[in-house]
PDB file of all heavy atoms in Angstrom:
ATOM      1  N   ARG A   1       2.613  21.177  -5.917  1.00  0.00           N
ATOM      2  CA  ARG A   1       1.283  20.626  -6.204  1.00  0.00           C
ATOM      3  C   ARG A   1       1.425  19.757  -7.488  1.00  0.00           C
ATOM      4  O   ARG A   1       1.776  20.220  -8.551  1.00  0.00           O
ATOM      5  CB  ARG A   1       0.424  21.770  -6.472  1.00  0.00           C
ATOM      6  CG  ARG A   1      -1.109  21.432  -6.593  1.00  0.00           C
ATOM      7  CD  ARG A   1      -1.902  22.586  -7.177  1.00  0.00           C
ATOM      8  NE  ARG A   1      -3.273  22.460  -6.952  1.00  0.00           N
ATOM      9  CZ  ARG A   1      -4.249  22.917  -7.735  1.00  0.00           C
ATOM     10  NH1 ARG A   1      -3.863  23.623  -8.767  1.00  0.00           N
ATOM     11  NH2 ARG A   1      -5.552  22.803  -7.526  1.00  0.00           N
ATOM     12  N   LEU A   2       0.957  18.562  -7.279  1.00  0.00           N
ATOM     13  CA  LEU A   2       0.912  17.604  -8.381  1.00  0.00           C
ATOM     14  C   LEU A   2      -0.497  17.526  -8.943  1.00  0.00           C
ATOM     15  O   LEU A   2      -1.484  17.681  -8.151  1.00  0.00           O
ATOM     16  CB  LEU A   2       1.330  16.177  -7.972  1.00  0.00           C
ATOM     17  CG  LEU A   2       2.708  16.092  -7.324  1.00  0.00           C
ATOM     18  CD1 LEU A   2       2.975  14.621  -6.981  1.00  0.00           C
ATOM     19  CD2 LEU A   2       3.879  16.676  -8.200  1.00  0.00           C
ATOM     20  N   SER A   3      -0.613  17.418 -10.316  1.00  0.00           N
ATOM     21  CA  SER A   3      -1.926  17.222 -10.940  1.00  0.00           C
ATOM     22  C   SER A   3      -1.966  15.871 -11.695  1.00  0.00           C
ATOM     23  O   SER A   3      -0.838  15.566 -12.198  1.00  0.00           O
ATOM     24  CB  SER A   3      -2.140  18.322 -11.922  1.00  0.00           C
ATOM     25  OG  SER A   3      -2.178  19.583 -11.224  1.00  0.00           O
ATOM     26  N   CYS A   4      -3.106  15.348 -11.735  1.00  0.00           N
ATOM     27  CA  CYS A   4      -3.250  14.124 -12.582  1.00  0.00           C
ATOM     28  C   CYS A   4      -4.661  14.271 -13.293  1.00  0.00           C
ATOM     29  O   CYS A   4      -5.704  14.300 -12.678  1.00  0.00           O
ATOM     30  CB  CYS A   4      -3.293  12.898 -11.642  1.00  0.00           C
ATOM     31  SG  CYS A   4      -3.796  11.421 -12.610  1.00  0.00           S
ATOM     32  N   ALA A   5      -4.519  14.262 -14.564  1.00  0.00           N
ATOM     33  CA  ALA A   5      -5.635  14.437 -15.439  1.00  0.00           C
ATOM     34  C   ALA A   5      -5.997  13.191 -16.138  1.00  0.00           C
ATOM     35  O   ALA A   5      -5.191  12.505 -16.813  1.00  0.00           O
ATOM     36  CB  ALA A   5      -5.486  15.428 -16.492  1.00  0.00           C
ATOM     37  N   ALA A   6      -7.272  12.676 -15.983  1.00  0.00           N
ATOM     38  CA  ALA A   6      -7.714  11.443 -16.605  1.00  0.00           C
ATOM     39  C   ALA A   6      -8.504  11.797 -17.822  1.00  0.00           C
ATOM     40  O   ALA A   6      -9.290  12.798 -17.899  1.00  0.00           O
ATOM     41  CB  ALA A   6      -8.562  10.658 -15.628  1.00  0.00           C
ATOM     42  N   SER A   7      -8.366  10.905 -18.840  1.00  0.00           N
ATOM     43  CA  SER A   7      -9.149  11.169 -20.203  1.00  0.00           C
ATOM     44  C   SER A   7      -9.665   9.979 -20.557  1.00  0.00           C
ATOM     45  O   SER A   7      -9.155   8.790 -20.305  1.00  0.00           O
ATOM     46  CB  SER A   7      -8.277  11.822 -21.255  1.00  0.00           C
ATOM     47  OG  SER A   7      -7.136  10.992 -21.457  1.00  0.00           O
ATOM     48  N   GLY A   8     -10.655  10.070 -21.523  1.00  0.00           N
ATOM     49  CA  GLY A   8     -11.379   8.759 -21.999  1.00  0.00           C
ATOM     50  C   GLY A   8     -12.722   8.616 -21.403  1.00  0.00           C
ATOM     51  O   GLY A   8     -13.187   9.501 -20.739  1.00  0.00           O
ATOM     52  N   LYS A   9     -13.233   7.452 -21.566  1.00  0.00           N
ATOM     53  CA  LYS A   9     -14.550   7.091 -21.063  1.00  0.00           C
ATOM     54  C   LYS A   9     -14.347   6.536 -19.556  1.00  0.00           C
ATOM     55  O   LYS A   9     -14.197   5.366 -19.427  1.00  0.00           O
ATOM     56  CB  LYS A   9     -15.249   6.096 -21.929  1.00  0.00           C
ATOM     57  CG  LYS A   9     -16.765   5.922 -21.571  1.00  0.00           C
ATOM     58  CD  LYS A   9     -17.419   5.048 -22.616  1.00  0.00           C
ATOM     59  CE  LYS A   9     -18.860   4.877 -22.291  1.00  0.00           C
ATOM     60  NZ  LYS A   9     -19.616   4.086 -23.195  1.00  0.00           N
ATOM     61  N   ILE A  10     -14.608   7.547 -18.690  1.00  0.00           N
ATOM     62  CA  ILE A  10     -14.333   7.209 -17.274  1.00  0.00           C
ATOM     63  C   ILE A  10     -15.565   6.902 -16.456  1.00  0.00           C
ATOM     64  O   ILE A  10     -16.386   7.813 -16.556  1.00  0.00           O
ATOM     65  CB  ILE A  10     -13.600   8.398 -16.577  1.00  0.00           C
ATOM     66  CG1 ILE A  10     -12.265   8.726 -17.421  1.00  0.00           C
ATOM     67  CG2 ILE A  10     -13.156   8.024 -15.183  1.00  0.00           C
ATOM     68  CD1 ILE A  10     -11.699   9.982 -17.090  1.00  0.00           C
ATOM     69  N   PRO A  11     -15.689   5.760 -15.875  1.00  0.00           N
ATOM     70  CA  PRO A  11     -16.868   5.484 -15.089  1.00  0.00           C
ATOM     71  C   PRO A  11     -17.025   6.501 -13.926  1.00  0.00           C
ATOM     72  O   PRO A  11     -16.019   6.957 -13.378  1.00  0.00           O
ATOM     73  CB  PRO A  11     -16.537   4.131 -14.481  1.00  0.00           C
ATOM     74  CG  PRO A  11     -15.559   3.532 -15.341  1.00  0.00           C
ATOM     75  CD  PRO A  11     -14.736   4.637 -15.864  1.00  0.00           C
ATOM     76  N   SER A  12     -18.341   6.813 -13.787  1.00  0.00           N
ATOM     77  CA  SER A  12     -18.484   7.935 -12.692  1.00  0.00           C
ATOM     78  C   SER A  12     -18.197   7.563 -11.285  1.00  0.00           C
ATOM     79  O   SER A  12     -17.708   8.465 -10.537  1.00  0.00           O
ATOM     80  CB  SER A  12     -20.036   8.372 -12.887  1.00  0.00           C
ATOM     81  OG  SER A  12     -20.802   7.218 -12.383  1.00  0.00           O
ATOM     82  N   ILE A  13     -18.189   6.324 -11.055  1.00  0.00           N
ATOM     83  CA  ILE A  13     -17.784   5.876  -9.662  1.00  0.00           C
ATOM     84  C   ILE A  13     -16.360   5.266  -9.837  1.00  0.00           C
ATOM     85  O   ILE A  13     -16.173   4.330 -10.420  1.00  0.00           O
ATOM     86  CB  ILE A  13     -18.659   4.703  -9.178  1.00  0.00           C
ATOM     87  CG1 ILE A  13     -20.159   5.293  -9.090  1.00  0.00           C
ATOM     88  CG2 ILE A  13     -18.249   4.198  -7.799  1.00  0.00           C
ATOM     89  CD1 ILE A  13     -21.203   4.242  -8.573  1.00  0.00           C
ATOM     90  N   ASN A  14     -15.447   5.951  -9.171  1.00  0.00           N
ATOM     91  CA  ASN A  14     -14.053   5.612  -9.220  1.00  0.00           C
ATOM     92  C   ASN A  14     -13.251   6.200  -8.047  1.00  0.00           C
ATOM     93  O   ASN A  14     -13.888   6.906  -7.339  1.00  0.00           O
ATOM     94  CB  ASN A  14     -13.437   6.125 -10.534  1.00  0.00           C
ATOM     95  CG  ASN A  14     -13.478   7.581 -10.701  1.00  0.00           C
ATOM     96  OD1 ASN A  14     -12.751   8.348  -9.953  1.00  0.00           O
ATOM     97  ND2 ASN A  14     -14.336   8.097 -11.510  1.00  0.00           N
ATOM     98  N   ALA A  15     -12.103   5.825  -8.002  1.00  0.00           N
ATOM     99  CA  ALA A  15     -11.158   6.375  -6.952  1.00  0.00           C
ATOM    100  C   ALA A  15      -9.851   6.737  -7.743  1.00  0.00           C
ATOM    101  O   ALA A  15      -9.517   6.081  -8.740  1.00  0.00           O
ATOM    102  CB  ALA A  15     -10.850   5.359  -5.827  1.00  0.00           C
ATOM    103  N   MET A  16      -9.263   7.895  -7.309  1.00  0.00           N
ATOM    104  CA  MET A  16      -8.081   8.333  -7.825  1.00  0.00           C
ATOM    105  C   MET A  16      -7.144   8.375  -6.744  1.00  0.00           C
ATOM    106  O   MET A  16      -7.388   8.889  -5.679  1.00  0.00           O
ATOM    107  CB  MET A  16      -8.147   9.586  -8.666  1.00  0.00           C
ATOM    108  CG  MET A  16      -9.103   9.368  -9.917  1.00  0.00           C
ATOM    109  SD  MET A  16      -9.176  10.867 -10.864  1.00  0.00           S
ATOM    110  CE  MET A  16      -7.557  10.875 -11.726  1.00  0.00           C
ATOM    111  N   GLY A  17      -5.905   7.982  -6.949  1.00  0.00           N
ATOM    112  CA  GLY A  17      -4.799   8.073  -5.916  1.00  0.00           C
ATOM    113  C   GLY A  17      -3.415   8.422  -6.337  1.00  0.00           C
ATOM    114  O   GLY A  17      -3.155   8.366  -7.512  1.00  0.00           O
ATOM    115  N   TRP A  18      -2.747   8.677  -5.388  1.00  0.00           N
ATOM    116  CA  TRP A  18      -1.288   9.122  -5.594  1.00  0.00           C
ATOM    117  C   TRP A  18      -0.440   7.995  -4.867  1.00  0.00           C
ATOM    118  O   TRP A  18      -0.720   7.713  -3.734  1.00  0.00           O
ATOM    119  CB  TRP A  18      -0.903  10.394  -5.016  1.00  0.00           C
ATOM    120  CG  TRP A  18      -1.411  11.551  -5.960  1.00  0.00           C
ATOM    121  CD1 TRP A  18      -2.596  12.278  -5.808  1.00  0.00           C
ATOM    122  CD2 TRP A  18      -0.957  11.987  -7.282  1.00  0.00           C
ATOM    123  NE1 TRP A  18      -2.694  13.153  -6.743  1.00  0.00           N
ATOM    124  CE2 TRP A  18      -1.624  13.032  -7.819  1.00  0.00           C
ATOM    125  CE3 TRP A  18       0.297  11.663  -7.938  1.00  0.00           C
ATOM    126  CZ2 TRP A  18      -1.327  13.730  -8.849  1.00  0.00           C
ATOM    127  CZ3 TRP A  18       0.665  12.441  -9.113  1.00  0.00           C
ATOM    128  CH2 TRP A  18      -0.277  13.326  -9.522  1.00  0.00           C
ATOM    129  N   TYR A  19       0.488   7.489  -5.568  1.00  0.00           N
ATOM    130  CA  TYR A  19       1.419   6.434  -5.026  1.00  0.00           C
ATOM    131  C   TYR A  19       2.820   7.075  -5.279  1.00  0.00           C
ATOM    132  O   TYR A  19       3.009   7.935  -6.113  1.00  0.00           O
ATOM    133  CB  TYR A  19       1.281   5.159  -5.697  1.00  0.00           C
ATOM    134  CG  TYR A  19      -0.047   4.479  -5.413  1.00  0.00           C
ATOM    135  CD1 TYR A  19      -1.199   4.880  -5.906  1.00  0.00           C
ATOM    136  CD2 TYR A  19      -0.120   3.385  -4.589  1.00  0.00           C
ATOM    137  CE1 TYR A  19      -2.382   4.194  -5.694  1.00  0.00           C
ATOM    138  CE2 TYR A  19      -1.209   2.715  -4.316  1.00  0.00           C
ATOM    139  CZ  TYR A  19      -2.444   3.195  -4.768  1.00  0.00           C
ATOM    140  OH  TYR A  19      -3.660   2.546  -4.512  1.00  0.00           O
ATOM    141  N   ARG A  20       3.830   6.532  -4.540  1.00  0.00           N
ATOM    142  CA  ARG A  20       5.211   6.875  -4.730  1.00  0.00           C
ATOM    143  C   ARG A  20       6.074   5.812  -4.708  1.00  0.00           C
ATOM    144  O   ARG A  20       5.853   4.756  -3.939  1.00  0.00           O
ATOM    145  CB  ARG A  20       5.602   8.006  -3.921  1.00  0.00           C
ATOM    146  CG  ARG A  20       5.787   7.651  -2.412  1.00  0.00           C
ATOM    147  CD  ARG A  20       6.031   8.941  -1.580  1.00  0.00           C
ATOM    148  NE  ARG A  20       6.198   8.637  -0.124  1.00  0.00           N
ATOM    149  CZ  ARG A  20       6.337   9.495   0.736  1.00  0.00           C
ATOM    150  NH1 ARG A  20       6.302  10.820   0.502  1.00  0.00           N
ATOM    151  NH2 ARG A  20       6.581   9.123   2.080  1.00  0.00           N
ATOM    152  N   GLN A  21       7.195   5.850  -5.400  1.00  0.00           N
ATOM    153  CA  GLN A  21       8.220   4.841  -5.321  1.00  0.00           C
ATOM    154  C   GLN A  21       9.564   5.465  -5.295  1.00  0.00           C
ATOM    155  O   GLN A  21      10.028   6.189  -6.218  1.00  0.00           O
ATOM    156  CB  GLN A  21       8.058   3.898  -6.483  1.00  0.00           C
ATOM    157  CG  GLN A  21       8.998   2.590  -6.431  1.00  0.00           C
ATOM    158  CD  GLN A  21       8.677   1.598  -7.453  1.00  0.00           C
ATOM    159  OE1 GLN A  21       8.065   1.792  -8.371  1.00  0.00           O
ATOM    160  NE2 GLN A  21       9.093   0.456  -7.202  1.00  0.00           N
ATOM    161  N   ALA A  22      10.228   5.356  -4.188  1.00  0.00           N
ATOM    162  CA  ALA A  22      11.604   5.877  -3.872  1.00  0.00           C
ATOM    163  C   ALA A  22      12.614   4.760  -4.513  1.00  0.00           C
ATOM    164  O   ALA A  22      12.223   3.586  -4.579  1.00  0.00           O
ATOM    165  CB  ALA A  22      11.796   6.149  -2.481  1.00  0.00           C
ATOM    166  N   PRO A  23      13.849   5.180  -4.841  1.00  0.00           N
ATOM    167  CA  PRO A  23      14.845   4.251  -5.198  1.00  0.00           C
ATOM    168  C   PRO A  23      15.048   3.140  -4.302  1.00  0.00           C
ATOM    169  O   PRO A  23      15.277   3.306  -3.058  1.00  0.00           O
ATOM    170  CB  PRO A  23      16.060   5.162  -5.374  1.00  0.00           C
ATOM    171  CG  PRO A  23      15.578   6.518  -5.622  1.00  0.00           C
ATOM    172  CD  PRO A  23      14.285   6.550  -4.806  1.00  0.00           C
ATOM    173  N   GLY A  24      14.932   1.823  -4.797  1.00  0.00           N
ATOM    174  CA  GLY A  24      15.216   0.794  -3.978  1.00  0.00           C
ATOM    175  C   GLY A  24      14.071   0.293  -3.027  1.00  0.00           C
ATOM    176  O   GLY A  24      14.158  -0.497  -2.285  1.00  0.00           O
ATOM    177  N   LYS A  25      12.924   1.033  -3.145  1.00  0.00           N
ATOM    178  CA  LYS A  25      11.793   0.763  -2.294  1.00  0.00           C
ATOM    179  C   LYS A  25      10.546   0.389  -3.135  1.00  0.00           C
ATOM    180  O   LYS A  25      10.523   0.546  -4.287  1.00  0.00           O
ATOM    181  CB  LYS A  25      11.494   1.957  -1.449  1.00  0.00           C
ATOM    182  CG  LYS A  25      12.501   2.286  -0.449  1.00  0.00           C
ATOM    183  CD  LYS A  25      12.082   3.316   0.494  1.00  0.00           C
ATOM    184  CE  LYS A  25      13.168   3.645   1.556  1.00  0.00           C
ATOM    185  NZ  LYS A  25      12.661   4.644   2.558  1.00  0.00           N
ATOM    186  N   GLN A  26       9.537  -0.255  -2.411  1.00  0.00           N
ATOM    187  CA  GLN A  26       8.341  -0.647  -3.185  1.00  0.00           C
ATOM    188  C   GLN A  26       7.434   0.573  -3.292  1.00  0.00           C
ATOM    189  O   GLN A  26       7.564   1.591  -2.557  1.00  0.00           O
ATOM    190  CB  GLN A  26       7.631  -1.658  -2.309  1.00  0.00           C
ATOM    191  CG  GLN A  26       8.383  -3.005  -2.102  1.00  0.00           C
ATOM    192  CD  GLN A  26       7.658  -4.197  -2.257  1.00  0.00           C
ATOM    193  OE1 GLN A  26       6.333  -4.124  -2.366  1.00  0.00           O
ATOM    194  NE2 GLN A  26       8.167  -5.407  -2.236  1.00  0.00           N
ATOM    195  N   ARG A  27       6.547   0.473  -4.250  1.00  0.00           N
ATOM    196  CA  ARG A  27       5.483   1.528  -4.481  1.00  0.00           C
ATOM    197  C   ARG A  27       4.623   1.568  -3.378  1.00  0.00           C
ATOM    198  O   ARG A  27       4.195   0.475  -2.811  1.00  0.00           O
ATOM    199  CB  ARG A  27       4.885   1.305  -5.810  1.00  0.00           C
ATOM    200  CG  ARG A  27       4.055   2.453  -6.186  1.00  0.00           C
ATOM    201  CD  ARG A  27       3.493   2.233  -7.676  1.00  0.00           C
ATOM    202  NE  ARG A  27       4.488   2.120  -8.655  1.00  0.00           N
ATOM    203  CZ  ARG A  27       4.320   2.110  -9.912  1.00  0.00           C
ATOM    204  NH1 ARG A  27       3.129   2.130 -10.367  1.00  0.00           N
ATOM    205  NH2 ARG A  27       5.358   2.007 -10.718  1.00  0.00           N
ATOM    206  N   GLU A  28       4.313   2.807  -2.877  1.00  0.00           N
ATOM    207  CA  GLU A  28       3.426   2.758  -1.646  1.00  0.00           C
ATOM    208  C   GLU A  28       2.322   3.843  -1.860  1.00  0.00           C
ATOM    209  O   GLU A  28       2.460   4.942  -2.628  1.00  0.00           O
ATOM    210  CB  GLU A  28       4.284   3.190  -0.348  1.00  0.00           C
ATOM    211  CG  GLU A  28       4.919   4.547  -0.444  1.00  0.00           C
ATOM    212  CD  GLU A  28       5.750   4.888   0.748  1.00  0.00           C
ATOM    213  OE1 GLU A  28       5.802   3.988   1.651  1.00  0.00           O
ATOM    214  OE2 GLU A  28       6.262   6.002   0.738  1.00  0.00           O
TER     215      GLU A  28
END
Protein backbone atom coordinates (compact mmCIF):
# COMPACT_ATOMS: atom_id res chain seq x y z
CA ARG A 1 0.00 0.00 0.00
CA LEU A 2 1.49 3.27 -1.12
CA SER A 3 0.59 6.59 0.45
CA CYS A 4 1.01 10.12 -0.84
CA ALA A 5 0.50 13.08 1.44
CA ALA A 6 0.12 16.58 0.04
CA SER A 7 0.89 19.66 2.09
CA GLY A 8 0.63 23.38 1.58
CA LYS A 9 -2.16 25.50 0.17
CA ILE A 10 -3.92 22.96 -2.00
CA PRO A 11 -6.81 23.96 -4.27
CA SER A 12 -9.94 22.06 -3.35
CA ILE A 13 -10.48 20.95 -6.93
CA ASN A 14 -7.62 18.74 -7.96
CA ALA A 15 -6.61 15.30 -9.07
CA MET A 16 -4.00 13.06 -7.55
CA GLY A 17 -2.43 10.21 -9.38
CA TRP A 18 0.16 7.51 -9.27
CA TYR A 19 2.64 7.05 -12.06
CA ARG A 20 5.50 4.62 -12.39
CA GLN A 21 8.75 4.42 -14.26
CA ALA A 22 10.57 1.16 -14.76
CA PRO A 23 14.25 1.07 -15.75
CA GLY A 24 14.66 2.00 -19.39
CA LYS A 25 10.99 2.85 -19.81
CA GLN A 26 8.92 5.99 -19.91
CA ARG A 27 6.89 7.15 -16.97
CA GLU A 28 3.31 5.93 -17.24
